[in-house]
Amino acid sequence: MNDYTRVQNAIEFIENRLHEDVDMKEIAAQACFSAFHFQRLFHLITGFTVHEYIRKRRLSEAAKVVKETNGSLLDIALSCRYGSHEAFTRSFAGFFGVTPAEYRKNDYRLNMQNKVDFRDYSGRANEETKLRKPDLVRLEPMKIVGHEYKTSLNNGSYFADIPGFYDHFGVNGYYERITDRAKPDFPYGIGAYYEDNGDFSFIIGEEVHSFGNRETGFVHFEIPGGTYAEFKANGAPEFNQSLWRYIYGTWLPNSNYERREGPDFEVTDVRHSVPGCLAMKIYIPIQ
């Protein structure tokens, strides 16, 4: 069973409980993933979060009820897990551009969120997977000293946040305060401390020979050794973000590998990077 099929199992679970409060761990369990990994995979494949999908599906189904029945808007709102008529109307108008009352009275065509079928993504992904394959490398454990930033999968905010983290790290000269560096000018960007609600930490730092004393404002982090898929990502920051989408949204679900426990990370070669074009490698722990 590939990842697309596993995620589709979770989609069916959501659809059968669309108007119930369902825990993210419970949803992810249907795909045999952790809550964080499920949310990340879902977002990188579809472009929107699990919570967004549920909200849009509830509103789309509610729109059908609004149009096809004479039921009260308050009853429809409550059935969609909204606490009031006003909250439902704001959300409905925010998504569709018209209020439920306006939609009921007029012949509007709404852009509904249909049920996702991940088999469609699987069919489109096969050829691209054959063209962009990683190298498989065996890495020894690495000691990293760096600065920890907080971000989230929700609304894709991490894609907007991470470039700013790198700027903050460089402008403040944090790299100059890291002692006993093993590979100067090779900053690591590490996703770590994943939480079920989609929040996680992004650590920017450099590899060191030993941890020594911990300076205020810095964290110590050890990247586990093991087998990693290594992707070369030489291009603009936007290209590197699209490569992350490809890795989780296309390559990993179609590969014969599973992501094992541990952080994924990226390493930038500062000496061979130029403005607008980063020389970078991305590492995904696999088994």
Protein backbone atom coordinates (compact mmCIF):
# COMPACT_ATOMS: atom_id res chain seq x y z
CA MET A 1 0.00 0.00 0.00
CA ASN A 2 1.61 3.31 -1.10
CA ASP A 3 1.37 6.61 0.75
CA TYR A 4 -1.37 7.95 -1.53
CA THR A 5 -3.60 5.00 -0.66
CA ARG A 6 -2.85 5.40 3.02
CA VAL A 7 -3.72 9.10 2.95
CA GLN A 8 -6.90 8.29 1.02
CA ASN A 9 -7.92 5.99 3.88
CA ALA A 10 -7.68 9.01 6.18
CA ILE A 11 -9.72 11.11 3.73
CA GLU A 12 -12.50 8.52 3.79
CA PHE A 13 -12.37 8.63 7.58
CA ILE A 14 -12.75 12.43 7.51
CA GLU A 15 -15.59 12.29 4.99
CA ASN A 16 -17.54 9.79 7.08
CA ARG A 17 -17.22 12.10 10.10
CA LEU A 18 -17.34 15.46 8.38
CA HIS A 19 -19.67 17.01 10.93
CA GLU A 20 -17.99 15.54 13.98
CA ASP A 21 -15.04 16.76 16.04
CA VAL A 22 -12.20 14.43 15.05
CA ASP A 23 -8.75 14.47 16.62
CA MET A 24 -5.78 14.85 14.25
CA LYS A 25 -4.06 11.83 15.81
CA GLU A 26 -7.15 9.77 15.06
CA ILE A 27 -7.18 10.94 11.43
CA ALA A 28 -3.46 10.30 10.93
CA ALA A 29 -3.76 6.83 12.47
CA GLN A 30 -5.93 5.80 9.50
CA ALA A 31 -2.88 6.38 7.30
CA CYS A 32 -0.48 4.81 9.84
CA PHE A 33 1.41 8.11 10.16
CA SER A 34 2.20 10.42 13.04
CA ALA A 35 -0.09 13.44 13.20
CA PHE A 36 2.72 15.79 12.18
CA HIS A 37 3.94 13.70 9.24
CA PHE A 38 0.39 13.23 7.98
CA GLN A 39 -0.26 16.97 8.07
CA ARG A 40 3.01 17.73 6.30
CA LEU A 41 2.46 15.14 3.60
CA PHE A 42 -1.12 16.29 3.06
CA HIS A 43 -0.13 19.95 2.80
CA LEU A 44 2.76 19.37 0.41
CA ILE A 45 0.63 17.19 -1.88
CA THR A 46 -2.52 19.33 -1.95
CA GLY A 47 -1.28 22.84 -1.16
CA PHE A 48 -3.63 23.29 1.78
CA THR A 49 -3.78 21.99 5.33
CA VAL A 50 -5.97 19.23 6.75
CA HIS A 51 -7.89 21.79 8.81
CA GLU A 52 -8.47 23.91 5.71
CA TYR A 53 -9.72 20.87 3.84
CA ILE A 54 -12.18 19.96 6.59
CA ARG A 55 -13.44 23.55 6.85
CA LYS A 56 -13.89 23.91 3.08
CA ARG A 57 -15.58 20.52 2.77
CA ARG A 58 -18.00 21.36 5.60
CA LEU A 59 -18.85 24.70 3.98
CA SER A 60 -19.28 23.09 0.56
CA GLU A 61 -21.66 20.49 1.93
CA ALA A 62 -23.44 23.21 3.90
CA ALA A 63 -23.87 25.24 0.71
CA LYS A 64 -25.74 22.33 -0.87
CA VAL A 65 -28.07 22.15 2.12
CA VAL A 66 -28.62 25.92 2.04
CA LYS A 67 -29.57 25.78 -1.63
CA GLU A 68 -31.57 22.56 -1.68
CA THR A 69 -33.59 22.89 1.55
CA ASN A 70 -35.52 25.45 3.53
CA GLY A 71 -33.78 24.55 6.78
CA SER A 72 -32.87 27.39 9.11
CA LEU A 73 -29.39 28.81 8.67
CA LEU A 74 -28.79 28.46 12.41
CA ASP A 75 -29.49 24.71 12.29
CA ILE A 76 -27.18 24.35 9.30
CA ALA A 77 -24.50 26.37 11.11
CA LEU A 78 -24.71 24.19 14.20
CA SER A 79 -24.54 21.00 12.13
CA CYS A 80 -21.27 22.30 10.64
CA ARG A 81 -19.75 22.81 14.10
CA TYR A 82 -20.21 26.60 14.12
CA GLY A 83 -21.34 28.07 17.41
CA SER A 84 -23.58 30.73 15.95
CA HIS A 85 -25.34 31.94 12.81
CA GLU A 86 -22.93 34.90 12.68
CA ALA A 87 -19.78 32.75 12.79
CA PHE A 88 -21.14 30.51 10.02
CA THR A 89 -22.05 33.51 7.86
CA ARG A 90 -18.57 35.06 8.24
CA SER A 91 -16.84 31.81 7.33
CA PHE A 92 -19.22 31.11 4.43
CA ALA A 93 -18.78 34.61 3.01
CA GLY A 94 -15.01 34.44 3.51
CA PHE A 95 -14.79 31.25 1.46
CA PHE A 96 -17.44 31.80 -1.21
CA GLY A 97 -17.70 35.60 -1.40
CA VAL A 98 -21.44 35.66 -0.66
CA THR A 99 -23.47 35.08 2.49
CA PRO A 100 -25.63 31.94 2.92
CA ALA A 101 -28.78 34.08 2.70
CA GLU A 102 -27.61 35.68 -0.56
CA TYR A 103 -26.72 32.30 -2.00
CA ARG A 104 -30.13 30.87 -1.13
CA LYS A 105 -31.94 33.75 -2.86
CA ASN A 106 -29.76 34.08 -5.98
CA ASP A 107 -28.34 31.89 -8.72
CA TYR A 108 -24.66 32.01 -7.79
CA ARG A 109 -22.09 29.45 -8.90
CA LEU A 110 -19.76 28.69 -6.03
CA ASN A 111 -16.26 27.28 -6.16
CA MET A 112 -16.90 24.19 -4.04
CA GLN A 113 -14.26 22.05 -2.39
CA ASN A 114 -14.82 18.56 -3.73
CA LYS A 115 -13.66 15.43 -1.98
CA VAL A 116 -9.97 14.85 -2.63
CA ASP A 117 -8.95 11.65 -4.41
CA PHE A 118 -5.26 11.00 -3.92
CA ARG A 119 -5.22 8.47 -6.75
CA ASP A 120 -5.30 11.48 -9.08
CA TYR A 121 -2.06 12.79 -7.57
CA SER A 122 -0.48 9.36 -7.83
CA GLY A 123 -1.14 9.13 -11.56
CA ARG A 124 0.31 12.56 -12.28
CA ALA A 125 3.41 11.96 -10.16
CA ASN A 126 4.82 8.77 -11.68
CA GLU A 127 6.81 10.28 -14.56
CA GLU A 128 8.29 13.11 -12.50
CA THR A 129 9.47 10.62 -9.88
CA LYS A 130 11.52 8.77 -12.49
CA LEU A 131 13.29 11.96 -13.57
CA ARG A 132 14.42 13.30 -10.18
CA LYS A 133 16.01 10.67 -8.00
CA PRO A 134 18.18 11.34 -4.93
CA ASP A 135 21.49 9.82 -3.95
CA LEU A 136 21.35 7.46 -0.99
CA VAL A 137 24.05 8.30 1.56
CA ARG A 138 25.09 6.97 4.94
CA LEU A 139 25.84 9.72 7.46
CA GLU A 140 27.51 9.62 10.85
CA PRO A 141 25.90 11.49 13.77
CA MET A 142 26.53 15.26 13.64
CA LYS A 143 26.65 17.79 16.50
CA ILE A 144 24.98 21.10 15.67
CA VAL A 145 25.04 24.34 17.63
CA GLY A 146 22.53 26.93 16.50
CA HIS A 147 19.55 29.17 17.14
CA GLU A 148 16.02 27.78 17.46
CA TYR A 149 13.04 29.40 15.70
CA LYS A 150 9.36 28.51 16.03
CA THR A 151 7.06 28.03 13.04
CA SER A 152 4.09 25.94 11.88
CA LEU A 153 2.72 23.89 9.02
CA ASN A 154 -0.60 25.69 9.35
CA ASN A 155 -1.40 27.89 6.34
CA GLY A 156 2.02 27.04 4.94
CA SER A 157 3.54 29.72 7.20
CA TYR A 158 6.87 27.89 7.48
CA PHE A 159 7.67 28.53 3.82
CA ALA A 160 7.34 32.27 4.46
CA ASP A 161 9.07 32.12 7.87
CA ILE A 162 12.23 30.16 7.10
CA PRO A 163 13.95 32.64 4.71
CA GLY A 164 13.45 35.28 7.42
CA PHE A 165 15.04 32.96 9.98
CA TYR A 166 18.17 32.67 7.83
CA ASP A 167 18.29 36.46 7.45
CA HIS A 168 17.94 36.92 11.21
CA PHE A 169 20.67 34.37 11.89
CA GLY A 170 23.09 36.07 9.49
CA VAL A 171 22.33 39.70 10.33
CA ASN A 172 22.86 39.01 14.02
CA GLY A 173 26.17 37.26 13.34
CA TYR A 174 25.18 34.12 15.25
CA TYR A 175 27.55 31.97 13.19
CA GLU A 176 30.51 33.99 14.50
CA ARG A 177 29.61 33.03 18.06
CA ILE A 178 29.72 29.27 17.40
CA THR A 179 33.04 27.88 18.61
CA ASP A 180 34.90 24.74 17.54
CA ARG A 181 33.16 24.67 14.15
CA ALA A 182 33.81 21.55 12.06
CA LYS A 183 32.58 22.97 8.74
CA PRO A 184 32.55 26.77 8.63
CA ASP A 185 30.30 28.36 5.97
CA PHE A 186 27.99 25.34 5.82
CA PRO A 187 24.86 26.38 7.79
CA TYR A 188 22.36 23.64 8.62
CA GLY A 189 18.60 24.18 8.65
CA ILE A 190 16.91 21.47 10.71
CA GLY A 191 13.22 20.71 11.24
CA ALA A 192 12.78 19.36 14.78
CA TYR A 193 10.52 18.99 17.82
CA TYR A 194 7.38 18.29 15.81
CA GLU A 195 4.03 18.74 17.55
CA ASP A 196 0.71 17.14 16.63
CA ASN A 197 -0.91 20.54 16.02
CA GLY A 198 1.56 21.30 13.21
CA ASP A 199 3.97 23.48 15.18
CA PHE A 200 7.67 22.70 15.02
CA SER A 201 11.12 24.21 15.52
CA PHE A 202 13.55 25.19 12.79
CA ILE A 203 17.15 25.22 14.00
CA ILE A 204 19.81 27.11 12.06
CA GLY A 205 23.39 26.37 13.04
CA GLU A 206 26.70 24.80 12.12
CA GLU A 207 28.38 21.48 12.81
CA VAL A 208 30.88 21.44 15.67
CA HIS A 209 33.52 18.98 16.89
CA SER A 210 32.13 19.06 20.44
CA PHE A 211 29.35 20.88 22.27
CA GLY A 212 31.36 22.42 25.10
CA ASN A 213 29.57 25.15 27.05
CA ARG A 214 26.15 26.29 25.88
CA GLU A 215 26.05 30.03 25.17
CA THR A 216 22.84 31.91 26.01
CA GLY A 217 20.43 31.88 23.09
CA PHE A 218 21.93 28.79 21.44
CA VAL A 219 20.76 25.18 21.39
CA HIS A 220 22.66 21.91 21.04
CA PHE A 221 21.19 19.36 18.65
CA GLU A 222 22.54 16.03 17.42
CA ILE A 223 21.46 14.78 14.00
CA PRO A 224 21.26 10.97 14.14
CA GLY A 225 23.40 8.89 11.85
CA GLY A 226 21.84 6.55 9.31
CA THR A 227 20.64 6.37 5.72
CA TYR A 228 19.42 9.57 4.07
CA ALA A 229 18.05 10.50 0.67
CA GLU A 230 20.22 13.39 -0.54
CA PHE A 231 18.70 15.88 -3.01
CA LYS A 232 20.74 18.62 -4.70
CA ALA A 233 18.86 21.92 -4.60
CA ASN A 234 20.85 24.52 -6.54
CA GLY A 235 18.61 27.45 -7.37
CA ALA A 236 16.52 30.33 -6.11
CA PRO A 237 14.83 29.98 -2.70
CA GLU A 238 11.52 29.47 -4.53
CA PHE A 239 13.02 26.48 -6.38
CA ASN A 240 14.22 24.95 -3.13
CA GLN A 241 10.74 25.30 -1.65
CA SER A 242 9.26 23.56 -4.69
CA LEU A 243 11.82 20.78 -4.21
CA TRP A 244 10.56 20.22 -0.65
CA ARG A 245 7.05 19.92 -2.11
CA TYR A 246 8.32 17.44 -4.69
CA ILE A 247 10.15 15.33 -2.08
CA TYR A 248 7.16 14.90 0.24
CA GLY A 249 4.37 15.30 -2.26
CA THR A 250 5.75 13.20 -5.12
CA TRP A 251 9.00 11.34 -4.54
CA LEU A 252 8.44 9.88 -1.07
CA PRO A 253 4.89 8.58 -1.70
CA ASN A 254 6.05 6.92 -4.94
CA SER A 255 9.36 5.56 -3.66
CA ASN A 256 10.00 2.19 -2.07
CA TYR A 257 11.20 3.94 1.08
CA GLU A 258 9.56 5.14 4.25
CA ARG A 259 10.57 8.18 6.23
CA ARG A 260 12.10 6.95 9.48
CA GLU A 261 12.12 8.82 12.77
CA GLY A 262 14.40 11.81 13.06
CA PRO A 263 14.77 15.28 11.57
CA ASP A 264 15.18 16.19 7.94
CA PHE A 265 17.58 19.02 7.22
CA GLU A 266 19.19 21.18 4.56
CA VAL A 267 22.82 22.27 4.23
CA THR A 268 23.81 25.41 2.33
CA ASP A 269 27.26 25.81 0.78
CA VAL A 270 27.75 29.54 1.39
CA ARG A 271 31.01 29.74 -0.58
CA HIS A 272 29.37 28.51 -3.78
CA SER A 273 26.08 30.37 -3.35
CA VAL A 274 25.38 33.72 -4.98
CA PRO A 275 22.51 36.16 -4.44
CA GLY A 276 19.36 34.57 -5.81
CA CYS A 277 20.94 31.13 -6.26
CA LEU A 278 21.67 28.86 -3.30
CA ALA A 279 23.93 25.81 -3.44
CA MET A 280 22.07 23.47 -1.11
CA LYS A 281 21.52 19.81 -0.30
CA ILE A 282 18.42 18.39 1.38
CA TYR A 283 18.54 15.24 3.51
CA ILE A 284 15.55 13.02 4.37
CA PRO A 285 15.95 10.12 6.83
CA ILE A 286 14.67 6.95 5.19
CA GLN A 287 14.55 3.21 5.67
